[in-house]
Amino acid sequence: MATAPTASAPQRRLHRVEAAAEMLGVKRSTADEEIRRGRLRTVQVGRRLVPTEYVEEYIELLKSESAA
């Protein structure tokens, strides 16, 4: 379980898929499907990781789809 970042601790910018799914409020399987479809992007650094920017990008995608 992650703790809240403090003023002196740097904020994590790369997240495991499980953590990204939790940030988004979806199940891991949903995050995996969105990655497979290319809607939630990842980077490869030993394992698949989701940068914070890509989580935000995905949220904006969902918002624009909802507004359309």
PDB file of N, CA and C in Angstrom:
ATOM      1  N   MET A   1       0.840  -1.170   0.000  1.00  0.00           N
ATOM      2  CA  MET A   1       0.000   0.000   0.000  1.00  0.00           C
ATOM      3  C   MET A   1       0.889   1.237   0.000  1.00  0.00           C
ATOM      4  N   ALA A   2       0.660   2.136  -0.917  1.00  0.00           N
ATOM      5  CA  ALA A   2       1.467   3.338  -1.031  1.00  0.00           C
ATOM      6  C   ALA A   2       1.013   4.380  -0.022  1.00  0.00           C
ATOM      7  N   THR A   3       1.971   5.151   0.438  1.00  0.00           N
ATOM      8  CA  THR A   3       1.625   6.240   1.342  1.00  0.00           C
ATOM      9  C   THR A   3       1.553   7.533   0.555  1.00  0.00           C
ATOM     10  N   ALA A   4       0.900   8.516   1.121  1.00  0.00           N
ATOM     11  CA  ALA A   4       0.769   9.806   0.460  1.00  0.00           C
ATOM     12  C   ALA A   4       2.139  10.467   0.376  1.00  0.00           C
ATOM     13  N   PRO A   5       2.434  11.119  -0.754  1.00  0.00           N
ATOM     14  CA  PRO A   5       3.734  11.766  -0.879  1.00  0.00           C
ATOM     15  C   PRO A   5       3.841  12.952   0.078  1.00  0.00           C
ATOM     16  N   THR A   6       5.042  13.171   0.581  1.00  0.00           N
ATOM     17  CA  THR A   6       5.275  14.309   1.442  1.00  0.00           C
ATOM     18  C   THR A   6       5.969  15.393   0.647  1.00  0.00           C
ATOM     19  N   ALA A   7       6.119  16.554   1.241  1.00  0.00           N
ATOM     20  CA  ALA A   7       6.745  17.670   0.552  1.00  0.00           C
ATOM     21  C   ALA A   7       8.181  17.347   0.157  1.00  0.00           C
ATOM     22  N   SER A   8       8.865  16.530   0.934  1.00  0.00           N
ATOM     23  CA  SER A   8      10.266  16.222   0.637  1.00  0.00           C
ATOM     24  C   SER A   8      10.425  14.997  -0.261  1.00  0.00           C
ATOM     25  N   ALA A   9       9.411  14.166  -0.369  1.00  0.00           N
ATOM     26  CA  ALA A   9       9.506  12.958  -1.184  1.00  0.00           C
ATOM     27  C   ALA A   9       9.044  13.251  -2.617  1.00  0.00           C
ATOM     28  N   PRO A  10       9.825  12.818  -3.607  1.00  0.00           N
ATOM     29  CA  PRO A  10       9.381  13.036  -4.986  1.00  0.00           C
ATOM     30  C   PRO A  10       8.157  12.176  -5.297  1.00  0.00           C
ATOM     31  N   GLN A  11       7.268  12.715  -6.101  1.00  0.00           N
ATOM     32  CA  GLN A  11       6.056  11.983  -6.459  1.00  0.00           C
ATOM     33  C   GLN A  11       6.380  10.991  -7.567  1.00  0.00           C
ATOM     34  N   ARG A  12       5.871   9.789  -7.447  1.00  0.00           N
ATOM     35  CA  ARG A  12       6.099   8.739  -8.444  1.00  0.00           C
ATOM     36  C   ARG A  12       5.454   9.153  -9.758  1.00  0.00           C
ATOM     37  N   ARG A  13       6.180   8.972 -10.873  1.00  0.00           N
ATOM     38  CA  ARG A  13       5.665   9.358 -12.185  1.00  0.00           C
ATOM     39  C   ARG A  13       5.438   8.165 -13.101  1.00  0.00           C
ATOM     40  N   LEU A  14       5.966   6.993 -12.744  1.00  0.00           N
ATOM     41  CA  LEU A  14       5.722   5.763 -13.491  1.00  0.00           C
ATOM     42  C   LEU A  14       5.010   4.791 -12.567  1.00  0.00           C
ATOM     43  N   HIS A  15       3.926   4.201 -13.076  1.00  0.00           N
ATOM     44  CA  HIS A  15       3.079   3.350 -12.243  1.00  0.00           C
ATOM     45  C   HIS A  15       2.920   1.970 -12.876  1.00  0.00           C
ATOM     46  N   ARG A  16       2.891   0.958 -12.044  1.00  0.00           N
ATOM     47  CA  ARG A  16       2.537  -0.372 -12.536  1.00  0.00           C
ATOM     48  C   ARG A  16       1.104  -0.317 -13.035  1.00  0.00           C
ATOM     49  N   VAL A  17       0.746  -1.248 -13.892  1.00  0.00           N
ATOM     50  CA  VAL A  17      -0.605  -1.261 -14.459  1.00  0.00           C
ATOM     51  C   VAL A  17      -1.648  -1.354 -13.346  1.00  0.00           C
ATOM     52  N   GLU A  18      -1.370  -2.146 -12.320  1.00  0.00           N
ATOM     53  CA  GLU A  18      -2.310  -2.281 -11.200  1.00  0.00           C
ATOM     54  C   GLU A  18      -2.554  -0.930 -10.526  1.00  0.00           C
ATOM     55  N   ALA A  19      -1.482  -0.166 -10.322  1.00  0.00           N
ATOM     56  CA  ALA A  19      -1.607   1.142  -9.663  1.00  0.00           C
ATOM     57  C   ALA A  19      -2.343   2.130 -10.559  1.00  0.00           C
ATOM     58  N   ALA A  20      -2.059   2.088 -11.862  1.00  0.00           N
ATOM     59  CA  ALA A  20      -2.750   2.974 -12.799  1.00  0.00           C
ATOM     60  C   ALA A  20      -4.240   2.647 -12.812  1.00  0.00           C
ATOM     61  N   ALA A  21      -4.575   1.371 -12.796  1.00  0.00           N
ATOM     62  CA  ALA A  21      -5.980   0.965 -12.756  1.00  0.00           C
ATOM     63  C   ALA A  21      -6.648   1.488 -11.487  1.00  0.00           C
ATOM     64  N   GLU A  22      -5.945   1.389 -10.375  1.00  0.00           N
ATOM     65  CA  GLU A  22      -6.494   1.891  -9.113  1.00  0.00           C
ATOM     66  C   GLU A  22      -6.690   3.406  -9.177  1.00  0.00           C
ATOM     67  N   MET A  23      -5.729   4.124  -9.762  1.00  0.00           N
ATOM     68  CA  MET A  23      -5.847   5.574  -9.912  1.00  0.00           C
ATOM     69  C   MET A  23      -7.083   5.931 -10.735  1.00  0.00           C
ATOM     70  N   LEU A  24      -7.370   5.113 -11.731  1.00  0.00           N
ATOM     71  CA  LEU A  24      -8.496   5.352 -12.629  1.00  0.00           C
ATOM     72  C   LEU A  24      -9.817   4.834 -12.071  1.00  0.00           C
ATOM     73  N   GLY A  25      -9.753   4.010 -11.049  1.00  0.00           N
ATOM     74  CA  GLY A  25     -10.974   3.452 -10.470  1.00  0.00           C
ATOM     75  C   GLY A  25     -11.562   2.331 -11.300  1.00  0.00           C
ATOM     76  N   VAL A  26     -10.682   1.598 -12.012  1.00  0.00           N
ATOM     77  CA  VAL A  26     -11.133   0.470 -12.828  1.00  0.00           C
ATOM     78  C   VAL A  26     -10.377  -0.783 -12.406  1.00  0.00           C
ATOM     79  N   LYS A  27     -10.848  -1.930 -12.866  1.00  0.00           N
ATOM     80  CA  LYS A  27     -10.181  -3.193 -12.583  1.00  0.00           C
ATOM     81  C   LYS A  27      -8.947  -3.337 -13.456  1.00  0.00           C
ATOM     82  N   ARG A  28      -8.036  -4.183 -13.019  1.00  0.00           N
ATOM     83  CA  ARG A  28      -6.808  -4.445 -13.783  1.00  0.00           C
ATOM     84  C   ARG A  28      -7.153  -4.952 -15.175  1.00  0.00           C
ATOM     85  N   SER A  29      -8.148  -5.802 -15.291  1.00  0.00           N
ATOM     86  CA  SER A  29      -8.512  -6.353 -16.594  1.00  0.00           C
ATOM     87  C   SER A  29      -8.997  -5.252 -17.547  1.00  0.00           C
ATOM     88  N   THR A  30      -9.679  -4.259 -17.021  1.00  0.00           N
ATOM     89  CA  THR A  30     -10.127  -3.130 -17.843  1.00  0.00           C
ATOM     90  C   THR A  30      -8.930  -2.328 -18.320  1.00  0.00           C
ATOM     91  N   ALA A  31      -7.973  -2.077 -17.429  1.00  0.00           N
ATOM     92  CA  ALA A  31      -6.757  -1.357 -17.819  1.00  0.00           C
ATOM     93  C   ALA A  31      -5.993  -2.147 -18.877  1.00  0.00           C
ATOM     94  N   ASP A  32      -5.877  -3.454 -18.698  1.00  0.00           N
ATOM     95  CA  ASP A  32      -5.191  -4.291 -19.692  1.00  0.00           C
ATOM     96  C   ASP A  32      -5.869  -4.198 -21.054  1.00  0.00           C
ATOM     97  N   GLU A  33      -7.184  -4.219 -21.061  1.00  0.00           N
ATOM     98  CA  GLU A  33      -7.932  -4.131 -22.318  1.00  0.00           C
ATOM     99  C   GLU A  33      -7.716  -2.774 -22.987  1.00  0.00           C
ATOM    100  N   GLU A  34      -7.740  -1.711 -22.209  1.00  0.00           N
ATOM    101  CA  GLU A  34      -7.523  -0.378 -22.771  1.00  0.00           C
ATOM    102  C   GLU A  34      -6.097  -0.227 -23.297  1.00  0.00           C
ATOM    103  N   ILE A  35      -5.137  -0.863 -22.649  1.00  0.00           N
ATOM    104  CA  ILE A  35      -3.757  -0.876 -23.146  1.00  0.00           C
ATOM    105  C   ILE A  35      -3.698  -1.653 -24.456  1.00  0.00           C
ATOM    106  N   ARG A  36      -4.328  -2.805 -24.492  1.00  0.00           N
ATOM    107  CA  ARG A  36      -4.334  -3.633 -25.704  1.00  0.00           C
ATOM    108  C   ARG A  36      -4.945  -2.871 -26.869  1.00  0.00           C
ATOM    109  N   ARG A  37      -5.982  -2.081 -26.596  1.00  0.00           N
ATOM    110  CA  ARG A  37      -6.655  -1.307 -27.642  1.00  0.00           C
ATOM    111  C   ARG A  37      -5.901  -0.033 -28.014  1.00  0.00           C
ATOM    112  N   GLY A  38      -4.852   0.300 -27.256  1.00  0.00           N
ATOM    113  CA  GLY A  38      -4.059   1.481 -27.553  1.00  0.00           C
ATOM    114  C   GLY A  38      -4.636   2.766 -26.988  1.00  0.00           C
ATOM    115  N   ARG A  39      -5.630   2.667 -26.142  1.00  0.00           N
ATOM    116  CA  ARG A  39      -6.267   3.857 -25.567  1.00  0.00           C
ATOM    117  C   ARG A  39      -5.536   4.335 -24.318  1.00  0.00           C
ATOM    118  N   LEU A  40      -4.934   3.441 -23.579  1.00  0.00           N
ATOM    119  CA  LEU A  40      -4.108   3.772 -22.417  1.00  0.00           C
ATOM    120  C   LEU A  40      -2.687   3.351 -22.782  1.00  0.00           C
ATOM    121  N   ARG A  41      -1.821   4.335 -22.940  1.00  0.00           N
ATOM    122  CA  ARG A  41      -0.463   4.043 -23.401  1.00  0.00           C
ATOM    123  C   ARG A  41       0.451   3.666 -22.235  1.00  0.00           C
ATOM    124  N   THR A  42       1.515   2.958 -22.562  1.00  0.00           N
ATOM    125  CA  THR A  42       2.505   2.529 -21.579  1.00  0.00           C
ATOM    126  C   THR A  42       3.904   2.734 -22.144  1.00  0.00           C
ATOM    127  N   VAL A  43       4.896   2.585 -21.264  1.00  0.00           N
ATOM    128  CA  VAL A  43       6.300   2.536 -21.665  1.00  0.00           C
ATOM    129  C   VAL A  43       6.869   1.230 -21.128  1.00  0.00           C
ATOM    130  N   GLN A  44       7.955   0.796 -21.740  1.00  0.00           N
ATOM    131  CA  GLN A  44       8.586  -0.447 -21.321  1.00  0.00           C
ATOM    132  C   GLN A  44       9.908  -0.121 -20.631  1.00  0.00           C
ATOM    133  N   VAL A  45       9.972  -0.403 -19.348  1.00  0.00           N
ATOM    134  CA  VAL A  45      11.205  -0.246 -18.583  1.00  0.00           C
ATOM    135  C   VAL A  45      11.329  -1.515 -17.742  1.00  0.00           C
ATOM    136  N   GLY A  46      11.781  -2.565 -18.383  1.00  0.00           N
ATOM    137  CA  GLY A  46      11.793  -3.859 -17.712  1.00  0.00           C
ATOM    138  C   GLY A  46      10.420  -4.491 -17.719  1.00  0.00           C
ATOM    139  N   ARG A  47       9.429  -3.731 -17.345  1.00  0.00           N
ATOM    140  CA  ARG A  47       8.029  -4.167 -17.370  1.00  0.00           C
ATOM    141  C   ARG A  47       7.203  -3.023 -17.935  1.00  0.00           C
ATOM    142  N   ARG A  48       5.959  -3.288 -18.176  1.00  0.00           N
ATOM    143  CA  ARG A  48       5.050  -2.260 -18.696  1.00  0.00           C
ATOM    144  C   ARG A  48       4.696  -1.290 -17.569  1.00  0.00           C
ATOM    145  N   LEU A  49       4.939  -0.004 -17.793  1.00  0.00           N
ATOM    146  CA  LEU A  49       4.612   1.015 -16.811  1.00  0.00           C
ATOM    147  C   LEU A  49       3.782   2.104 -17.467  1.00  0.00           C
ATOM    148  N   VAL A  50       2.955   2.763 -16.663  1.00  0.00           N
ATOM    149  CA  VAL A  50       2.087   3.823 -17.169  1.00  0.00           C
ATOM    150  C   VAL A  50       2.544   5.147 -16.557  1.00  0.00           C
ATOM    151  N   PRO A  51       3.079   6.060 -17.387  1.00  0.00           N
ATOM    152  CA  PRO A  51       3.441   7.377 -16.858  1.00  0.00           C
ATOM    153  C   PRO A  51       2.194   8.138 -16.423  1.00  0.00           C
ATOM    154  N   THR A  52       2.352   8.980 -15.418  1.00  0.00           N
ATOM    155  CA  THR A  52       1.251   9.797 -14.921  1.00  0.00           C
ATOM    156  C   THR A  52       0.607  10.585 -16.058  1.00  0.00           C
ATOM    157  N   GLU A  53       1.430  11.104 -16.973  1.00  0.00           N
ATOM    158  CA  GLU A  53       0.910  11.886 -18.091  1.00  0.00           C
ATOM    159  C   GLU A  53      -0.052  11.064 -18.950  1.00  0.00           C
ATOM    160  N   TYR A  54       0.231   9.778 -19.099  1.00  0.00           N
ATOM    161  CA  TYR A  54      -0.636   8.923 -19.912  1.00  0.00           C
ATOM    162  C   TYR A  54      -1.945   8.626 -19.195  1.00  0.00           C
ATOM    163  N   VAL A  55      -1.912   8.571 -17.865  1.00  0.00           N
ATOM    164  CA  VAL A  55      -3.154   8.407 -17.104  1.00  0.00           C
ATOM    165  C   VAL A  55      -4.028   9.633 -17.336  1.00  0.00           C
ATOM    166  N   GLU A  56      -3.427  10.816 -17.235  1.00  0.00           N
ATOM    167  CA  GLU A  56      -4.162  12.064 -17.461  1.00  0.00           C
ATOM    168  C   GLU A  56      -4.676  12.145 -18.899  1.00  0.00           C
ATOM    169  N   GLU A  57      -3.856  11.718 -19.851  1.00  0.00           N
ATOM    170  CA  GLU A  57      -4.249  11.713 -21.266  1.00  0.00           C
ATOM    171  C   GLU A  57      -5.463  10.808 -21.472  1.00  0.00           C
ATOM    172  N   TYR A  58      -5.460   9.657 -20.836  1.00  0.00           N
ATOM    173  CA  TYR A  58      -6.567   8.708 -20.948  1.00  0.00           C
ATOM    174  C   TYR A  58      -7.846   9.304 -20.355  1.00  0.00           C
ATOM    175  N   ILE A  59      -7.720   9.997 -19.215  1.00  0.00           N
ATOM    176  CA  ILE A  59      -8.888  10.637 -18.608  1.00  0.00           C
ATOM    177  C   ILE A  59      -9.460  11.687 -19.555  1.00  0.00           C
ATOM    178  N   GLU A  60      -8.603  12.466 -20.192  1.00  0.00           N
ATOM    179  CA  GLU A  60      -9.064  13.476 -21.153  1.00  0.00           C
ATOM    180  C   GLU A  60      -9.768  12.819 -22.338  1.00  0.00           C
ATOM    181  N   LEU A  61      -9.258  11.673 -22.786  1.00  0.00           N
ATOM    182  CA  LEU A  61      -9.902  10.915 -23.871  1.00  0.00           C
ATOM    183  C   LEU A  61     -11.313  10.516 -23.453  1.00  0.00           C
ATOM    184  N   LEU A  62     -11.445   9.992 -22.251  1.00  0.00           N
ATOM    185  CA  LEU A  62     -12.768   9.586 -21.770  1.00  0.00           C
ATOM    186  C   LEU A  62     -13.717  10.767 -21.672  1.00  0.00           C
ATOM    187  N   LYS A  63     -13.202  11.893 -21.204  1.00  0.00           N
ATOM    188  CA  LYS A  63     -14.031  13.095 -21.095  1.00  0.00           C
ATOM    189  C   LYS A  63     -14.483  13.584 -22.463  1.00  0.00           C
ATOM    190  N   SER A  64     -13.582  13.560 -23.442  1.00  0.00           N
ATOM    191  CA  SER A  64     -13.968  14.036 -24.784  1.00  0.00           C
ATOM    192  C   SER A  64     -14.976  13.078 -25.423  1.00  0.00           C
ATOM    193  N   GLU A  65     -14.832  11.788 -25.179  1.00  0.00           N
ATOM    194  CA  GLU A  65     -15.796  10.825 -25.707  1.00  0.00           C
ATOM    195  C   GLU A  65     -17.170  11.002 -25.050  1.00  0.00           C
ATOM    196  N   SER A  66     -17.140  11.323 -23.776  1.00  0.00           N
ATOM    197  CA  SER A  66     -18.390  11.526 -23.052  1.00  0.00           C
ATOM    198  C   SER A  66     -19.130  12.765 -23.537  1.00  0.00           C
ATOM    199  N   ALA A  67     -18.372  13.799 -23.908  1.00  0.00           N
ATOM    200  CA  ALA A  67     -18.976  15.043 -24.367  1.00  0.00           C
ATOM    201  C   ALA A  67     -19.506  14.944 -25.802  1.00  0.00           C
ATOM    202  N   ALA A  68     -18.967  14.008 -26.556  1.00  0.00           N
ATOM    203  CA  ALA A  68     -19.346  13.882 -27.980  1.00  0.00           C
ATOM    204  C   ALA A  68     -20.704  13.261 -28.170  1.00  0.00           C
TER     205      ALA A  68
END
